Protein backbone atom coordinates (compact mmCIF):
# COMPACT_ATOMS: atom_id res chain seq x y z
CA MET A 1 -18.50 0.20 10.15
CA THR A 2 -19.57 1.48 6.74
CA ARG A 3 -18.54 -0.39 3.62
CA ASN A 4 -16.40 1.82 1.42
CA ARG A 5 -17.46 2.90 -2.03
CA GLY A 6 -14.50 1.26 -3.83
CA SER A 7 -15.91 -0.73 -6.76
CA SER A 8 -15.70 -1.17 -10.50
CA ASP A 9 -17.64 2.08 -11.09
CA ALA A 10 -15.47 4.17 -8.74
CA GLY A 11 -13.11 5.28 -11.50
CA PRO A 12 -12.26 4.37 -15.10
CA GLY A 13 -9.30 2.33 -16.22
CA VAL A 14 -6.97 -0.35 -14.94
CA VAL A 15 -4.08 1.10 -12.92
CA ILE A 16 -2.49 -2.17 -11.72
CA ARG A 17 -2.15 -5.20 -13.97
CA ALA A 18 -0.28 -8.47 -13.36
CA ARG A 19 -0.13 -11.33 -15.86
CA ASN A 20 1.03 -14.84 -14.99
CA VAL A 21 3.33 -13.61 -12.22
CA VAL A 22 5.66 -16.18 -10.70
CA LYS A 23 7.95 -15.45 -7.76
CA GLU A 24 10.46 -18.02 -6.55
CA TYR A 25 13.11 -17.81 -3.85
CA PRO A 26 16.09 -20.19 -3.90
CA TYR A 27 16.29 -22.35 -0.80
CA ALA A 28 18.66 -25.24 0.00
CA GLY A 29 19.25 -26.09 -3.63
CA ASP A 30 15.54 -25.89 -4.45
CA ALA A 31 13.03 -23.04 -4.71
CA VAL A 32 10.21 -21.69 -2.58
CA HIS A 33 7.24 -20.94 -4.86
CA ALA A 34 5.79 -17.76 -3.35
CA LEU A 35 3.59 -16.87 -6.35
CA ARG A 36 2.36 -19.39 -8.90
CA GLY A 37 1.13 -17.66 -12.05
CA VAL A 38 -0.94 -14.87 -10.49
CA SER A 39 -2.99 -12.60 -12.76
CA VAL A 40 -4.97 -9.65 -11.43
CA GLU A 41 -6.31 -6.25 -12.52
CA ILE A 42 -7.19 -3.38 -10.19
CA LEU A 43 -9.15 -0.33 -11.27
CA ALA A 44 -8.55 3.33 -10.57
CA ALA A 45 -10.04 4.44 -7.23
CA GLU A 46 -10.80 0.82 -6.27
CA TRP A 47 -10.09 -0.50 -2.78
CA VAL A 48 -8.98 -4.13 -2.81
CA ALA A 49 -8.20 -6.28 0.22
CA ILE A 50 -5.90 -9.32 -0.16
CA MET A 51 -6.53 -12.06 2.38
CA GLY A 52 -5.29 -15.57 3.08
CA PRO A 53 -3.36 -17.68 5.59
CA SER A 54 0.19 -16.86 6.65
CA GLY A 55 2.72 -17.79 3.99
CA CYS A 56 0.21 -17.83 1.14
CA GLY A 57 2.01 -15.07 -0.81
CA LYS A 58 -0.03 -11.98 0.16
CA SER A 59 2.90 -9.74 1.06
CA THR A 60 4.98 -11.06 -1.83
CA LEU A 61 2.20 -10.14 -4.26
CA LEU A 62 1.92 -6.68 -2.70
CA ASN A 63 5.67 -6.08 -3.05
CA VAL A 64 5.68 -7.28 -6.66
CA LEU A 65 2.68 -5.14 -7.62
CA ALA A 66 4.35 -2.10 -6.03
CA GLY A 67 7.62 -2.71 -7.88
CA ILE A 68 9.58 -3.29 -4.68
CA ASP A 69 10.37 -6.88 -5.71
CA ALA A 70 10.77 -8.13 -9.27
CA PRO A 71 8.88 -11.27 -10.34
CA THR A 72 10.78 -14.35 -11.43
CA SER A 73 8.58 -14.35 -14.54
CA GLY A 74 5.40 -12.70 -15.73
CA GLU A 75 4.47 -9.08 -16.30
CA VAL A 76 3.47 -6.22 -14.00
CA GLU A 77 2.22 -2.79 -15.13
CA LEU A 78 1.58 0.27 -12.98
CA ARG A 79 -0.48 2.96 -14.68
CA ASP A 80 0.20 1.38 -18.10
CA GLN A 81 3.96 1.32 -17.50
CA PRO A 82 5.62 -2.14 -17.67
CA LEU A 83 7.96 -2.46 -14.70
CA ALA A 84 10.23 -5.00 -16.40
CA GLY A 85 11.46 -2.46 -18.94
CA MET A 86 12.52 0.07 -16.30
CA THR A 87 15.84 0.54 -14.61
CA GLU A 88 15.86 0.37 -10.81
CA GLY A 89 16.18 4.16 -10.76
CA GLU A 90 13.10 4.53 -12.96
CA ARG A 91 11.14 2.13 -10.77
CA ALA A 92 12.23 4.04 -7.67
CA ARG A 93 11.11 7.30 -9.26
CA LEU A 94 7.72 5.81 -10.16
CA ARG A 95 7.27 4.61 -6.57
CA LEU A 96 8.34 8.00 -5.26
CA VAL A 97 5.85 10.07 -7.25
CA SER A 98 2.96 7.67 -8.00
CA VAL A 99 2.95 4.99 -5.29
CA GLY A 100 2.71 5.08 -1.50
CA PHE A 101 3.59 2.06 0.65
CA VAL A 102 2.64 1.54 4.29
CA PHE A 103 4.96 -1.08 5.73
CA GLN A 104 3.88 -3.44 8.49
CA ARG A 105 6.84 -2.36 10.64
CA PHE A 106 6.45 1.39 9.87
CA HIS A 107 10.14 1.95 8.84
CA LEU A 108 10.21 5.46 10.28
CA LEU A 109 13.65 6.99 10.83
CA ALA A 110 14.20 7.22 14.59
CA VAL A 111 16.52 10.23 14.33
CA LEU A 112 13.89 12.34 12.57
CA THR A 113 10.79 13.94 14.05
CA ALA A 114 7.32 13.00 12.86
CA LEU A 115 7.30 16.14 10.71
CA GLU A 116 10.72 15.37 9.21
CA ASN A 117 9.75 11.76 8.44
CA ILE A 118 6.80 13.03 6.42
CA GLU A 119 8.93 15.65 4.68
CA LEU A 120 11.57 13.13 3.59
CA PRO A 121 9.91 11.66 0.45
CA MET A 122 8.94 15.15 -0.68
CA ALA A 123 12.54 16.30 -0.32
CA GLU A 124 13.64 13.31 -2.43
CA ALA A 125 11.04 14.27 -5.05
CA GLY A 126 12.38 17.84 -5.19
CA VAL A 127 9.41 19.57 -3.54
CA PRO A 128 10.50 23.06 -2.37
CA ARG A 129 11.18 23.32 1.33
CA ALA A 130 8.36 25.72 2.18
CA GLU A 131 5.83 23.61 0.29
CA ARG A 132 6.87 20.33 1.88
CA ARG A 133 6.72 21.91 5.35
CA ARG A 134 3.23 23.25 4.64
CA ARG A 135 2.06 19.92 3.25
CA SER A 136 3.60 17.94 6.15
CA LEU A 137 1.80 20.10 8.69
CA GLU A 138 -1.45 19.60 6.77
CA LEU A 139 -0.93 15.84 6.77
CA LEU A 140 -0.19 15.76 10.50
CA ASP A 141 -3.45 17.57 11.06
CA TYR A 142 -5.17 15.16 8.64
CA VAL A 143 -4.07 12.17 10.74
CA GLY A 144 -4.77 13.95 14.04
CA LEU A 145 -1.16 14.42 15.17
CA SER A 146 -0.59 18.17 14.92
CA ASN A 147 0.57 18.22 18.53
CA ARG A 148 3.19 15.50 17.90
CA ALA A 149 5.09 17.13 15.03
CA GLY A 150 8.32 17.49 17.02
CA HIS A 151 8.28 14.00 18.53
CA ARG A 152 10.56 11.24 17.26
CA PRO A 153 9.24 7.69 16.65
CA PRO A 154 10.43 6.27 20.02
CA GLN A 155 8.30 8.95 21.71
CA LEU A 156 5.16 7.90 19.81
CA SER A 157 2.75 5.03 20.42
CA GLY A 158 2.35 2.28 17.85
CA GLY A 159 -0.86 3.81 16.54
CA GLU A 160 0.76 7.24 16.29
CA GLN A 161 3.73 5.80 14.42
CA GLN A 162 1.38 4.07 12.00
CA ARG A 163 -0.46 7.33 11.35
CA VAL A 164 2.87 9.09 10.69
CA ALA A 165 3.79 6.25 8.31
CA ILE A 166 0.49 6.71 6.47
CA ALA A 167 1.03 10.47 6.24
CA ARG A 168 4.52 9.85 4.86
CA ALA A 169 3.15 7.33 2.35
CA VAL A 170 0.71 9.88 0.93
CA ALA A 171 3.03 12.90 1.13
CA ASN A 172 3.69 12.96 -2.62
CA ARG A 173 -0.02 12.51 -3.34
CA PRO A 174 0.31 9.04 -4.87
CA ALA A 175 -2.37 7.65 -7.15
CA ILE A 176 -1.92 4.20 -5.59
CA LEU A 177 -1.46 3.25 -1.92
CA PHE A 178 -0.28 -0.21 -0.88
CA ALA A 179 -0.54 -1.24 2.79
CA ASP A 180 0.80 -4.43 4.39
CA GLU A 181 -1.18 -5.44 7.51
CA PRO A 182 -1.71 -1.78 8.46
CA THR A 183 -3.63 -2.69 11.64
CA GLY A 184 -1.82 -5.92 12.51
CA GLU A 185 -0.27 -4.65 15.75
CA LEU A 186 -2.87 -2.05 16.70
CA ASP A 187 -5.74 -2.20 19.17
CA GLN A 188 -9.25 -2.28 17.72
CA LYS A 189 -10.04 1.41 18.30
CA THR A 190 -6.79 2.61 16.72
CA GLY A 191 -7.22 0.16 13.85
CA GLU A 192 -10.70 1.49 13.10
CA GLY A 193 -9.26 5.00 13.07
CA ILE A 194 -6.68 3.91 10.50
CA MET A 195 -9.45 2.42 8.35
CA ASP A 196 -11.37 5.69 8.56
CA LEU A 197 -8.26 7.47 7.26
CA PHE A 198 -7.97 4.97 4.41
CA ALA A 199 -11.63 5.51 3.54
CA ARG A 200 -11.00 9.25 3.32
CA LEU A 201 -8.02 8.67 1.03
CA ASN A 202 -10.02 6.32 -1.17
CA GLY A 203 -12.90 8.79 -1.22
CA ASP A 204 -10.42 11.39 -2.50
CA GLY A 205 -9.67 9.09 -5.45
CA ALA A 206 -6.66 7.02 -4.38
CA THR A 207 -6.48 3.34 -5.35
CA LEU A 208 -5.88 1.19 -2.26
CA VAL A 209 -4.49 -2.35 -2.06
CA THR A 210 -4.45 -3.69 1.49
CA VAL A 211 -3.02 -6.99 2.73
CA THR A 212 -4.81 -8.12 5.87
CA HIS A 213 -5.78 -11.16 7.91
CA ASP A 214 -8.58 -9.24 9.66
CA PRO A 215 -12.12 -9.57 8.21
CA ARG A 216 -13.05 -6.28 9.88
CA VAL A 217 -10.43 -4.51 7.76
CA ALA A 218 -11.55 -6.29 4.58
CA GLU A 219 -15.13 -5.12 5.19
CA HIS A 220 -14.06 -1.61 4.22
CA ALA A 221 -12.82 -2.69 0.78
CA GLY A 222 -14.97 -2.91 -2.30
CA ARG A 223 -13.43 -6.24 -3.31
CA THR A 224 -11.58 -9.02 -1.53
CA ILE A 225 -9.01 -11.26 -3.24
CA ARG A 226 -8.32 -14.50 -1.39
CA MET A 227 -5.04 -16.36 -1.79
CA ALA A 228 -3.78 -19.82 -0.90
CA ASP A 229 -0.44 -21.45 -1.66
CA GLY A 230 0.74 -18.66 -3.94
CA GLU A 231 -2.43 -18.49 -6.03
CA ILE A 232 -5.61 -16.45 -6.17
CA VAL A 233 -8.43 -18.79 -5.23
CA ASN A 234 -11.31 -16.32 -5.07
CA GLY A 235 -11.45 -12.74 -6.26
CA ASN A 236 -14.65 -12.45 -8.24
CA ASN A 237 -16.63 -9.53 -6.81
CA GLY A 238 -18.58 -7.22 -9.06
CA ASN A 239 -17.53 -7.22 -12.69
CA HIS A 240 -14.11 -8.84 -12.24
CA GLU A 241 -13.54 -12.37 -13.45
CA TRP A 242 -10.59 -14.66 -12.85
C-alpha cells in the first residue's frame, strides 16, 4: 500500500478546529465522560486517522467535529464557522453542502435504489434533477458500481453498500469527509479498494478524518491521532503540536 500525500503542506489553512471539547452523557445519576478537554486542528486537504481502543471516544469526537453531536462544553469550528452559534437548521445545511459522513452501518434507505440513495442529498440541497442524475451516474462509475444503479441495498453486498454510502457522502462535493470505521465489516480486498477510493478523494483536495482500529487503514493517512479514555494521547506528526 502507498502512503497518501495528506500532510501539513497538502493545503493551506485550518478547516477543523476544536478547543477544550468535553462531552458527557448522563448515566444512572452520574455522567460518562466521553471526551475530556480535547483540542485538535486539521488542515485543508489533510488525511487524519483517529485510533484507540473501543470506548476511548473516537466516534464521539468524530460526531462532534462533524456537528452531528454538540459538545457539553468547548468550541468547534468547521471552515472558520463556530458550530455553537448556529441553529440546528444552519448546522444541517453546513453538513449538507460542506461535509460528507460515511457511517459505520451505511444508513442507506432500503426502499431506494443505489442511484436514488446517491441522489437524495443532492435533492435536499436543491440540485436540479438532470444534474443530480448525471452526477449520481458519474459517482457510481467512480466507485465501480455502474451496473448496480437499479439495485436496492438488500440486493447489494456489504462492500457494495459501503461504496454507495461513500458515493452518497461525496455527492454534494464536500470539502470535508468524515468516516467511522469505513472498513470495519469488510474483507481485506474490499477494504483496500475503499482506501484507494479515499486516496483518490484526498488527492482531489478533500480533507479526510477517519476513525479506525485497523493499522492498515491508518497507514494511508498523513497523520494519526491516538486516543485513550476520552483524551488525545499522541497526535504529533509533522508540524502539529499538542
